[in-house]
Amino acid sequence: MERITENPSAHRHLEKRSVEELLCGINAEDKSVPLAVEKAIPQIRAFVEATVPKMRDGGRLFYIGAGTSGRLGILDASEIPPTYGAPPEWVIGLIAGGDSAIRKAVEGAEDSLTQAWVDLSAFGVDFRDTVVGIAASGTTPYVVEGLRTCQARGITTGCITCNPGAPVLAVADFPILVVTGPEFVTGSTRMKAGTAQKLVLNMISTSVMIRLGRVQDNKMVDMQLSNNKLVDRGTRMVMQATGLAYQPAQDLLLAEGSVREAVRRHAEQSK
């Protein structure tokens, strides 16, 4: 299988380039990524439309990956509770090598044929859940074999990869292929491939949360009020929805704990 993500960069002799030339070259390559993601929207749509009803019925969304891909999955999963006020068990990110691999590479972790299933089993994964394998190359054993085991047990699978013909595509019920081509630095898939994966993850989790009712209009009405900035944002959302002045809106928000509940309480009191 040809790994186009590993093909030689079109940019030569980088060590001789000026900083301006390096930055412009990286930017030129990056511009191609959203266009590549756009071509995969039908695949992303199919995955989201299959995932939402499963989550409405109590299923969870798992991301599995190694290295950069694993870290991106964990990043996306970790943002769901503060952004949408959703329970942390709704979306779970797992990385080859465990949590210590988030900051430092764990030698050989991605080559395990069995560890992904061990990691998933710790959460009691079953047919109600959906498991997405994230692998730029599409060949990572941790991801491929993890999805293969899930498929064999009737668990819905998806994948995000950047190489046509990658083995991971064959073990994904809902494959998402984003062809980003060679990297600016040959083989450095944390760059364009990583950016594509991040964009797809943004699209998946955001659209899933919207369809699950965690957004009203265009507002994060269930976000956690974890700092002053978010309290201020929430206050202004309550003001807009209720017509209250700033301080009464903030008092109501803090008393109720979320924009959704503050607006609901105000509506009840106004009857």
C-alpha atoms as a PDB file:
ATOM      1  CA  MET A   1       0.000   0.000   0.000  1.00  0.00           C
ATOM      2  CA  GLU A   2       1.293   3.427  -0.950  1.00  0.00           C
ATOM      3  CA  ARG A   3       1.222   5.843   1.982  1.00  0.00           C
ATOM      4  CA  ILE A   4       0.854   9.213   0.336  1.00  0.00           C
ATOM      5  CA  THR A   5       1.244  10.873   3.724  1.00  0.00           C
ATOM      6  CA  GLU A   6       4.800   9.480   3.666  1.00  0.00           C
ATOM      7  CA  ASN A   7       5.616  10.611   0.139  1.00  0.00           C
ATOM      8  CA  PRO A   8       8.456  13.145  -0.276  1.00  0.00           C
ATOM      9  CA  SER A   9       7.606  16.782   0.316  1.00  0.00           C
ATOM     10  CA  ALA A  10       7.345  19.025  -2.722  1.00  0.00           C
ATOM     11  CA  HIS A  11       9.443  21.550  -0.805  1.00  0.00           C
ATOM     12  CA  ARG A  12      13.186  20.939  -0.967  1.00  0.00           C
ATOM     13  CA  HIS A  13      16.235  22.125   0.989  1.00  0.00           C
ATOM     14  CA  LEU A  14      14.184  23.541   3.844  1.00  0.00           C
ATOM     15  CA  GLU A  15      17.292  24.213   5.897  1.00  0.00           C
ATOM     16  CA  LYS A  16      18.293  26.829   3.321  1.00  0.00           C
ATOM     17  CA  ARG A  17      14.955  28.666   3.359  1.00  0.00           C
ATOM     18  CA  SER A  18      14.324  31.956   5.146  1.00  0.00           C
ATOM     19  CA  VAL A  19      11.780  32.085   7.936  1.00  0.00           C
ATOM     20  CA  GLU A  20       9.415  33.937   5.595  1.00  0.00           C
ATOM     21  CA  GLU A  21       9.763  31.222   2.961  1.00  0.00           C
ATOM     22  CA  LEU A  22       9.176  28.466   5.529  1.00  0.00           C
ATOM     23  CA  LEU A  23       6.043  30.107   6.897  1.00  0.00           C
ATOM     24  CA  CYS A  24       4.607  30.798   3.458  1.00  0.00           C
ATOM     25  CA  GLY A  25       5.332  27.226   2.370  1.00  0.00           C
ATOM     26  CA  ILE A  26       3.601  25.745   5.423  1.00  0.00           C
ATOM     27  CA  ASN A  27       0.647  28.086   4.953  1.00  0.00           C
ATOM     28  CA  ALA A  28       0.357  27.176   1.272  1.00  0.00           C
ATOM     29  CA  GLU A  29       0.121  23.493   2.194  1.00  0.00           C
ATOM     30  CA  ASP A  30      -2.343  24.164   5.018  1.00  0.00           C
ATOM     31  CA  LYS A  31      -4.740  25.912   2.617  1.00  0.00           C
ATOM     32  CA  SER A  32      -5.419  22.583   0.914  1.00  0.00           C
ATOM     33  CA  VAL A  33      -6.690  20.887   4.088  1.00  0.00           C
ATOM     34  CA  PRO A  34     -10.232  22.363   4.365  1.00  0.00           C
ATOM     35  CA  LEU A  35     -10.809  21.544   0.696  1.00  0.00           C
ATOM     36  CA  ALA A  36      -9.795  17.942   1.325  1.00  0.00           C
ATOM     37  CA  VAL A  37     -12.140  17.786   4.328  1.00  0.00           C
ATOM     38  CA  GLU A  38     -14.977  19.210   2.242  1.00  0.00           C
ATOM     39  CA  LYS A  39     -14.763  16.206  -0.098  1.00  0.00           C
ATOM     40  CA  ALA A  40     -15.322  13.911   2.895  1.00  0.00           C
ATOM     41  CA  ILE A  41     -18.517  15.614   4.122  1.00  0.00           C
ATOM     42  CA  PRO A  42     -20.785  12.825   2.775  1.00  0.00           C
ATOM     43  CA  GLN A  43     -18.779  10.289   4.790  1.00  0.00           C
ATOM     44  CA  ILE A  44     -18.843  12.487   7.894  1.00  0.00           C
ATOM     45  CA  ARG A  45     -22.590  13.010   7.500  1.00  0.00           C
ATOM     46  CA  ALA A  46     -23.224   9.260   7.294  1.00  0.00           C
ATOM     47  CA  PHE A  47     -21.218   8.698  10.458  1.00  0.00           C
ATOM     48  CA  VAL A  48     -22.982  11.442  12.429  1.00  0.00           C
ATOM     49  CA  GLU A  49     -26.427  10.328  11.304  1.00  0.00           C
ATOM     50  CA  ALA A  50     -25.660   6.796  12.493  1.00  0.00           C
ATOM     51  CA  THR A  51     -24.120   7.919  15.791  1.00  0.00           C
ATOM     52  CA  VAL A  52     -26.778  10.336  17.061  1.00  0.00           C
ATOM     53  CA  PRO A  53     -29.597   7.795  17.512  1.00  0.00           C
ATOM     54  CA  LYS A  54     -27.226   5.388  19.257  1.00  0.00           C
ATOM     55  CA  MET A  55     -26.217   8.099  21.714  1.00  0.00           C
ATOM     56  CA  ARG A  56     -29.850   9.043  22.268  1.00  0.00           C
ATOM     57  CA  ASP A  57     -30.367   5.438  23.325  1.00  0.00           C
ATOM     58  CA  GLY A  58     -27.522   5.616  25.855  1.00  0.00           C
ATOM     59  CA  GLY A  59     -24.567   4.732  23.655  1.00  0.00           C
ATOM     60  CA  ARG A  60     -21.204   6.421  23.932  1.00  0.00           C
ATOM     61  CA  LEU A  61     -18.656   7.697  21.422  1.00  0.00           C
ATOM     62  CA  PHE A  62     -15.089   6.408  21.775  1.00  0.00           C
ATOM     63  CA  TYR A  63     -11.972   7.679  19.996  1.00  0.00           C
ATOM     64  CA  ILE A  64      -8.896   5.439  19.827  1.00  0.00           C
ATOM     65  CA  GLY A  65      -5.532   6.461  18.410  1.00  0.00           C
ATOM     66  CA  ALA A  66      -1.783   6.610  18.901  1.00  0.00           C
ATOM     67  CA  GLY A  67       0.593   9.561  19.028  1.00  0.00           C
ATOM     68  CA  THR A  68      -0.769  12.769  17.531  1.00  0.00           C
ATOM     69  CA  SER A  69      -3.986  11.042  16.460  1.00  0.00           C
ATOM     70  CA  GLY A  70      -4.629   9.751  19.971  1.00  0.00           C
ATOM     71  CA  ARG A  71      -3.941  13.145  21.488  1.00  0.00           C
ATOM     72  CA  LEU A  72      -6.375  14.817  19.108  1.00  0.00           C
ATOM     73  CA  GLY A  73      -9.091  12.358  20.109  1.00  0.00           C
ATOM     74  CA  ILE A  74      -8.462  13.000  23.794  1.00  0.00           C
ATOM     75  CA  LEU A  75      -8.497  16.759  23.194  1.00  0.00           C
ATOM     76  CA  ASP A  76     -11.852  16.604  21.431  1.00  0.00           C
ATOM     77  CA  ALA A  77     -13.391  14.332  24.073  1.00  0.00           C
ATOM     78  CA  SER A  78     -12.106  16.484  26.937  1.00  0.00           C
ATOM     79  CA  GLU A  79     -13.788  19.591  25.527  1.00  0.00           C
ATOM     80  CA  ILE A  80     -17.294  18.103  25.487  1.00  0.00           C
ATOM     81  CA  PRO A  81     -18.162  18.488  29.223  1.00  0.00           C
ATOM     82  CA  PRO A  82     -17.074  22.137  29.587  1.00  0.00           C
ATOM     83  CA  THR A  83     -18.462  23.216  26.218  1.00  0.00           C
ATOM     84  CA  TYR A  84     -21.786  21.398  26.268  1.00  0.00           C
ATOM     85  CA  GLY A  85     -22.273  20.434  29.908  1.00  0.00           C
ATOM     86  CA  ALA A  86     -22.441  16.802  28.823  1.00  0.00           C
ATOM     87  CA  PRO A  87     -21.348  13.973  31.123  1.00  0.00           C
ATOM     88  CA  PRO A  88     -17.691  12.994  30.557  1.00  0.00           C
ATOM     89  CA  GLU A  89     -18.723   9.434  29.744  1.00  0.00           C
ATOM     90  CA  TRP A  90     -20.579  10.531  26.597  1.00  0.00           C
ATOM     91  CA  VAL A  91     -17.363  10.956  24.591  1.00  0.00           C
ATOM     92  CA  ILE A  92     -14.191   9.130  25.656  1.00  0.00           C
ATOM     93  CA  GLY A  93     -10.710   9.393  24.137  1.00  0.00           C
ATOM     94  CA  LEU A  94      -8.163   6.582  24.487  1.00  0.00           C
ATOM     95  CA  ILE A  95      -4.503   6.684  23.462  1.00  0.00           C
ATOM     96  CA  ALA A  96      -2.048   3.849  22.935  1.00  0.00           C
ATOM     97  CA  GLY A  97       0.216   3.730  25.976  1.00  0.00           C
ATOM     98  CA  GLY A  98      -2.342   5.230  28.348  1.00  0.00           C
ATOM     99  CA  ASP A  99      -2.523   8.712  29.813  1.00  0.00           C
ATOM    100  CA  SER A 100       1.260   9.016  30.153  1.00  0.00           C
ATOM    101  CA  ALA A 101       1.447   8.932  26.334  1.00  0.00           C
ATOM    102  CA  ILE A 102      -0.468  12.208  26.154  1.00  0.00           C
ATOM    103  CA  ARG A 103       2.731  14.079  27.000  1.00  0.00           C
ATOM    104  CA  LYS A 104       5.479  11.597  26.156  1.00  0.00           C
ATOM    105  CA  ALA A 105       5.670   8.866  23.535  1.00  0.00           C
ATOM    106  CA  VAL A 106       5.437   5.328  24.919  1.00  0.00           C
ATOM    107  CA  GLU A 107       7.742   3.057  22.947  1.00  0.00           C
ATOM    108  CA  GLY A 108       5.985   0.314  21.009  1.00  0.00           C
ATOM    109  CA  ALA A 109       2.511   1.140  22.340  1.00  0.00           C
ATOM    110  CA  GLU A 110       0.977   1.683  18.921  1.00  0.00           C
ATOM    111  CA  ASP A 111       2.180  -1.718  17.711  1.00  0.00           C
ATOM    112  CA  SER A 112       0.065  -3.757  20.130  1.00  0.00           C
ATOM    113  CA  LEU A 113      -2.555  -5.935  18.465  1.00  0.00           C
ATOM    114  CA  THR A 114      -4.640  -6.392  21.616  1.00  0.00           C
ATOM    115  CA  GLN A 115      -4.256  -3.354  23.881  1.00  0.00           C
ATOM    116  CA  ALA A 116      -6.989  -1.249  22.260  1.00  0.00           C
ATOM    117  CA  TRP A 117      -9.594  -3.862  23.106  1.00  0.00           C
ATOM    118  CA  VAL A 118      -8.207  -4.105  26.646  1.00  0.00           C
ATOM    119  CA  ASP A 119      -8.507  -0.328  26.977  1.00  0.00           C
ATOM    120  CA  LEU A 120     -12.045  -0.284  25.595  1.00  0.00           C
ATOM    121  CA  SER A 121     -13.104  -3.232  27.745  1.00  0.00           C
ATOM    122  CA  ALA A 122     -12.197  -1.256  30.862  1.00  0.00           C
ATOM    123  CA  PHE A 123     -15.176   0.967  29.984  1.00  0.00           C
ATOM    124  CA  GLY A 124     -17.513  -1.934  29.280  1.00  0.00           C
ATOM    125  CA  VAL A 125     -17.823  -1.081  25.585  1.00  0.00           C
ATOM    126  CA  ASP A 126     -20.682  -2.904  23.873  1.00  0.00           C
ATOM    127  CA  PHE A 127     -23.053  -2.868  20.874  1.00  0.00           C
ATOM    128  CA  ARG A 128     -24.698   0.359  22.019  1.00  0.00           C
ATOM    129  CA  ASP A 129     -21.450   2.299  21.558  1.00  0.00           C
ATOM    130  CA  THR A 130     -19.553   3.658  18.559  1.00  0.00           C
ATOM    131  CA  VAL A 131     -15.751   3.451  18.271  1.00  0.00           C
ATOM    132  CA  VAL A 132     -13.743   5.712  15.943  1.00  0.00           C
ATOM    133  CA  GLY A 133     -10.168   4.841  15.050  1.00  0.00           C
ATOM    134  CA  ILE A 134      -7.996   7.870  14.286  1.00  0.00           C
ATOM    135  CA  ALA A 135      -4.859   7.104  12.275  1.00  0.00           C
ATOM    136  CA  ALA A 136      -3.280   9.345   9.652  1.00  0.00           C
ATOM    137  CA  SER A 137      -1.444   6.426   8.069  1.00  0.00           C
ATOM    138  CA  GLY A 138      -4.370   4.073   8.532  1.00  0.00           C
ATOM    139  CA  THR A 139      -2.008   1.261   9.423  1.00  0.00           C
ATOM    140  CA  THR A 140      -1.525   1.669  13.193  1.00  0.00           C
ATOM    141  CA  PRO A 141      -1.977  -1.836  14.706  1.00  0.00           C
ATOM    142  CA  TYR A 142      -3.467  -0.480  17.958  1.00  0.00           C
ATOM    143  CA  VAL A 143      -6.216   1.207  15.929  1.00  0.00           C
ATOM    144  CA  VAL A 144      -6.745  -1.343  13.153  1.00  0.00           C
ATOM    145  CA  GLU A 145      -6.943  -4.359  15.454  1.00  0.00           C
ATOM    146  CA  GLY A 146      -9.037  -2.458  17.969  1.00  0.00           C
ATOM    147  CA  LEU A 147     -11.627  -1.725  15.293  1.00  0.00           C
ATOM    148  CA  ARG A 148     -11.414  -5.257  13.931  1.00  0.00           C
ATOM    149  CA  THR A 149     -12.269  -6.664  17.354  1.00  0.00           C
ATOM    150  CA  CYS A 150     -15.117  -4.192  17.761  1.00  0.00           C
ATOM    151  CA  GLN A 151     -16.576  -5.160  14.387  1.00  0.00           C
ATOM    152  CA  ALA A 152     -16.395  -8.843  15.279  1.00  0.00           C
ATOM    153  CA  ARG A 153     -18.414  -8.102  18.423  1.00  0.00           C
ATOM    154  CA  GLY A 154     -21.107  -6.096  16.674  1.00  0.00           C
ATOM    155  CA  ILE A 155     -19.878  -2.674  17.783  1.00  0.00           C
ATOM    156  CA  THR A 156     -20.279   0.141  15.245  1.00  0.00           C
ATOM    157  CA  THR A 157     -16.941   1.456  13.987  1.00  0.00           C
ATOM    158  CA  GLY A 158     -15.695   4.518  12.152  1.00  0.00           C
ATOM    159  CA  CYS A 159     -12.277   5.852  11.217  1.00  0.00           C
ATOM    160  CA  ILE A 160     -10.495   9.035  10.220  1.00  0.00           C
ATOM    161  CA  THR A 161      -7.490   8.481   7.975  1.00  0.00           C
ATOM    162  CA  CYS A 162      -5.558  10.243   5.224  1.00  0.00           C
ATOM    163  CA  ASN A 163      -4.326   7.341   3.063  1.00  0.00           C
ATOM    164  CA  PRO A 164      -6.459   5.727   0.343  1.00  0.00           C
ATOM    165  CA  GLY A 165      -6.424   1.944   0.616  1.00  0.00           C
ATOM    166  CA  ALA A 166      -5.368   2.016   4.267  1.00  0.00           C
ATOM    167  CA  PRO A 167      -6.177  -1.154   6.266  1.00  0.00           C
ATOM    168  CA  VAL A 168      -8.221   0.834   8.774  1.00  0.00           C
ATOM    169  CA  LEU A 169     -10.790   1.604   6.076  1.00  0.00           C
ATOM    170  CA  ALA A 170     -11.670  -2.094   5.807  1.00  0.00           C
ATOM    171  CA  VAL A 171     -12.547  -2.389   9.496  1.00  0.00           C
ATOM    172  CA  ALA A 172     -14.663   0.772   9.699  1.00  0.00           C
ATOM    173  CA  ASP A 173     -18.414   0.632   9.112  1.00  0.00           C
ATOM    174  CA  PHE A 174     -18.260   4.368   8.512  1.00  0.00           C
ATOM    175  CA  PRO A 175     -14.850   5.247   7.026  1.00  0.00           C
ATOM    176  CA  ILE A 176     -13.831   8.886   6.702  1.00  0.00           C
ATOM    177  CA  LEU A 177     -10.973   9.420   4.253  1.00  0.00           C
ATOM    178  CA  VAL A 178      -9.390  12.871   3.937  1.00  0.00           C
ATOM    179  CA  VAL A 179      -6.609  12.843   1.350  1.00  0.00           C
ATOM    180  CA  THR A 180      -4.160  15.542   2.423  1.00  0.00           C
ATOM    181  CA  GLY A 181      -1.122  14.355   0.430  1.00  0.00           C
ATOM    182  CA  PRO A 182       2.565  14.716   1.329  1.00  0.00           C
ATOM    183  CA  GLU A 183       3.529  16.892   4.264  1.00  0.00           C
ATOM    184  CA  PHE A 184       5.682  20.039   4.196  1.00  0.00           C
ATOM    185  CA  VAL A 185       8.245  18.085   6.215  1.00  0.00           C
ATOM    186  CA  THR A 186       8.202  14.585   4.742  1.00  0.00           C
ATOM    187  CA  GLY A 187       6.175  12.193   6.898  1.00  0.00           C
ATOM    188  CA  SER A 188       5.329  14.755   9.616  1.00  0.00           C
ATOM    189  CA  THR A 189       1.642  13.889   9.810  1.00  0.00           C
ATOM    190  CA  ARG A 190       1.108  16.105  12.848  1.00  0.00           C
ATOM    191  CA  MET A 191       0.865  18.882  10.256  1.00  0.00           C
ATOM    192  CA  LYS A 192      -1.685  18.642   7.410  1.00  0.00           C
ATOM    193  CA  ALA A 193      -3.009  15.200   8.359  1.00  0.00           C
ATOM    194  CA  GLY A 194      -3.306  16.247  11.993  1.00  0.00           C
ATOM    195  CA  THR A 195      -5.093  19.442  11.013  1.00  0.00           C
ATOM    196  CA  ALA A 196      -7.540  17.451   8.881  1.00  0.00           C
ATOM    197  CA  GLN A 197      -8.236  15.068  11.738  1.00  0.00           C
ATOM    198  CA  LYS A 198      -8.876  17.983  14.101  1.00  0.00           C
ATOM    199  CA  LEU A 199     -11.294  19.570  11.640  1.00  0.00           C
ATOM    200  CA  VAL A 200     -13.204  16.313  11.206  1.00  0.00           C
ATOM    201  CA  LEU A 201     -13.366  15.762  14.966  1.00  0.00           C
ATOM    202  CA  ASN A 202     -14.695  19.310  15.389  1.00  0.00           C
ATOM    203  CA  MET A 203     -17.388  18.562  12.828  1.00  0.00           C
ATOM    204  CA  ILE A 204     -18.357  15.236  14.378  1.00  0.00           C
ATOM    205  CA  SER A 205     -18.587  16.272  18.014  1.00  0.00           C
ATOM    206  CA  THR A 206     -20.173  19.653  17.325  1.00  0.00           C
ATOM    207  CA  SER A 207     -22.875  18.307  15.030  1.00  0.00           C
ATOM    208  CA  VAL A 208     -23.553  15.367  17.385  1.00  0.00           C
ATOM    209  CA  MET A 209     -23.954  17.678  20.379  1.00  0.00           C
ATOM    210  CA  ILE A 210     -26.250  19.991  18.417  1.00  0.00           C
ATOM    211  CA  ARG A 211     -28.413  17.070  17.321  1.00  0.00           C
ATOM    212  CA  LEU A 212     -28.529  15.852  20.928  1.00  0.00           C
ATOM    213  CA  GLY A 213     -29.991  19.196  21.979  1.00  0.00           C
ATOM    214  CA  ARG A 214     -26.978  20.693  23.709  1.00  0.00           C
ATOM    215  CA  VAL A 215     -27.186  23.941  21.677  1.00  0.00           C
ATOM    216  CA  GLN A 216     -30.094  26.369  21.390  1.00  0.00           C
ATOM    217  CA  ASP A 217     -30.041  28.744  18.428  1.00  0.00           C
ATOM    218  CA  ASN A 218     -26.253  29.095  18.222  1.00  0.00           C
ATOM    219  CA  LYS A 219     -25.586  29.218  21.959  1.00  0.00           C
ATOM    220  CA  MET A 220     -23.792  26.813  24.318  1.00  0.00           C
ATOM    221  CA  VAL A 221     -26.634  26.900  26.825  1.00  0.00           C
ATOM    222  CA  ASP A 222     -25.251  24.043  28.935  1.00  0.00           C
ATOM    223  CA  MET A 223     -21.608  25.145  29.133  1.00  0.00           C
ATOM    224  CA  GLN A 224     -19.868  24.849  32.476  1.00  0.00           C
ATOM    225  CA  LEU A 225     -19.437  28.175  34.278  1.00  0.00           C
ATOM    226  CA  SER A 226     -15.828  27.411  35.142  1.00  0.00           C
ATOM    227  CA  ASN A 227     -14.256  30.874  34.922  1.00  0.00           C
ATOM    228  CA  ASN A 228     -15.131  34.567  34.866  1.00  0.00           C
ATOM    229  CA  LYS A 229     -15.099  34.751  31.065  1.00  0.00           C
ATOM    230  CA  LEU A 230     -17.699  32.003  30.776  1.00  0.00           C
ATOM    231  CA  VAL A 231     -19.838  33.491  33.537  1.00  0.00           C
ATOM    232  CA  ASP A 232     -19.800  36.790  31.658  1.00  0.00           C
ATOM    233  CA  ARG A 233     -20.649  35.049  28.388  1.00  0.00           C
ATOM    234  CA  GLY A 234     -23.475  33.163  30.056  1.00  0.00           C
ATOM    235  CA  THR A 235     -24.792  36.321  31.674  1.00  0.00           C
ATOM    236  CA  ARG A 236     -25.019  38.062  28.325  1.00  0.00           C
ATOM    237  CA  MET A 237     -26.798  35.053  26.860  1.00  0.00           C
ATOM    238  CA  VAL A 238     -29.359  35.204  29.663  1.00  0.00           C
ATOM    239  CA  MET A 239     -29.745  38.947  29.132  1.00  0.00           C
ATOM    240  CA  GLN A 240     -30.428  38.418  25.444  1.00  0.00           C
ATOM    241  CA  ALA A 241     -32.958  35.656  26.082  1.00  0.00           C
ATOM    242  CA  THR A 242     -34.823  37.326  28.948  1.00  0.00           C
ATOM    243  CA  GLY A 243     -34.372  41.076  28.672  1.00  0.00           C
ATOM    244  CA  LEU A 244     -32.918  41.221  32.194  1.00  0.00           C
ATOM    245  CA  ALA A 245     -30.202  43.723  33.127  1.00  0.00           C
ATOM    246  CA  TYR A 246     -26.662  42.417  33.637  1.00  0.00           C
ATOM    247  CA  GLN A 247     -26.610  41.895  37.400  1.00  0.00           C
ATOM    248  CA  PRO A 248     -30.047  40.258  37.724  1.00  0.00           C
ATOM    249  CA  ALA A 249     -29.160  38.028  34.773  1.00  0.00           C
ATOM    250  CA  GLN A 250     -25.894  37.002  36.396  1.00  0.00           C
ATOM    251  CA  ASP A 251     -27.544  36.375  39.757  1.00  0.00           C
ATOM    252  CA  LEU A 252     -30.115  34.139  38.078  1.00  0.00           C
ATOM    253  CA  LEU A 253     -27.440  32.338  36.064  1.00  0.00           C
ATOM    254  CA  LEU A 254     -25.314  31.565  39.120  1.00  0.00           C
ATOM    255  CA  ALA A 255     -28.350  30.470  41.110  1.00  0.00           C
ATOM    256  CA  GLU A 256     -29.523  28.055  38.395  1.00  0.00           C
ATOM    257  CA  GLY A 257     -26.092  26.877  37.218  1.00  0.00           C
ATOM    258  CA  SER A 258     -26.611  27.090  33.472  1.00  0.00           C
ATOM    259  CA  VAL A 259     -27.991  29.373  30.791  1.00  0.00           C
ATOM    260  CA  ARG A 260     -30.667  26.820  29.902  1.00  0.00           C
ATOM    261  CA  GLU A 261     -31.949  26.581  33.468  1.00  0.00           C
ATOM    262  CA  ALA A 262     -31.741  30.338  34.050  1.00  0.00           C
ATOM    263  CA  VAL A 263     -33.847  31.044  30.973  1.00  0.00           C
ATOM    264  CA  ARG A 264     -36.320  28.308  31.940  1.00  0.00           C
ATOM    265  CA  ARG A 265     -36.642  29.665  35.481  1.00  0.00           C
ATOM    266  CA  HIS A 266     -37.218  33.209  34.216  1.00  0.00           C
ATOM    267  CA  ALA A 267     -39.939  31.961  31.862  1.00  0.00           C
ATOM    268  CA  GLU A 268     -41.665  30.187  34.754  1.00  0.00           C
ATOM    269  CA  GLN A 269     -41.471  33.261  36.987  1.00  0.00           C
ATOM    270  CA  SER A 270     -42.865  35.458  34.220  1.00  0.00           C
ATOM    271  CA  LYS A 271     -46.062  33.442  33.808  1.00  0.00           C
END
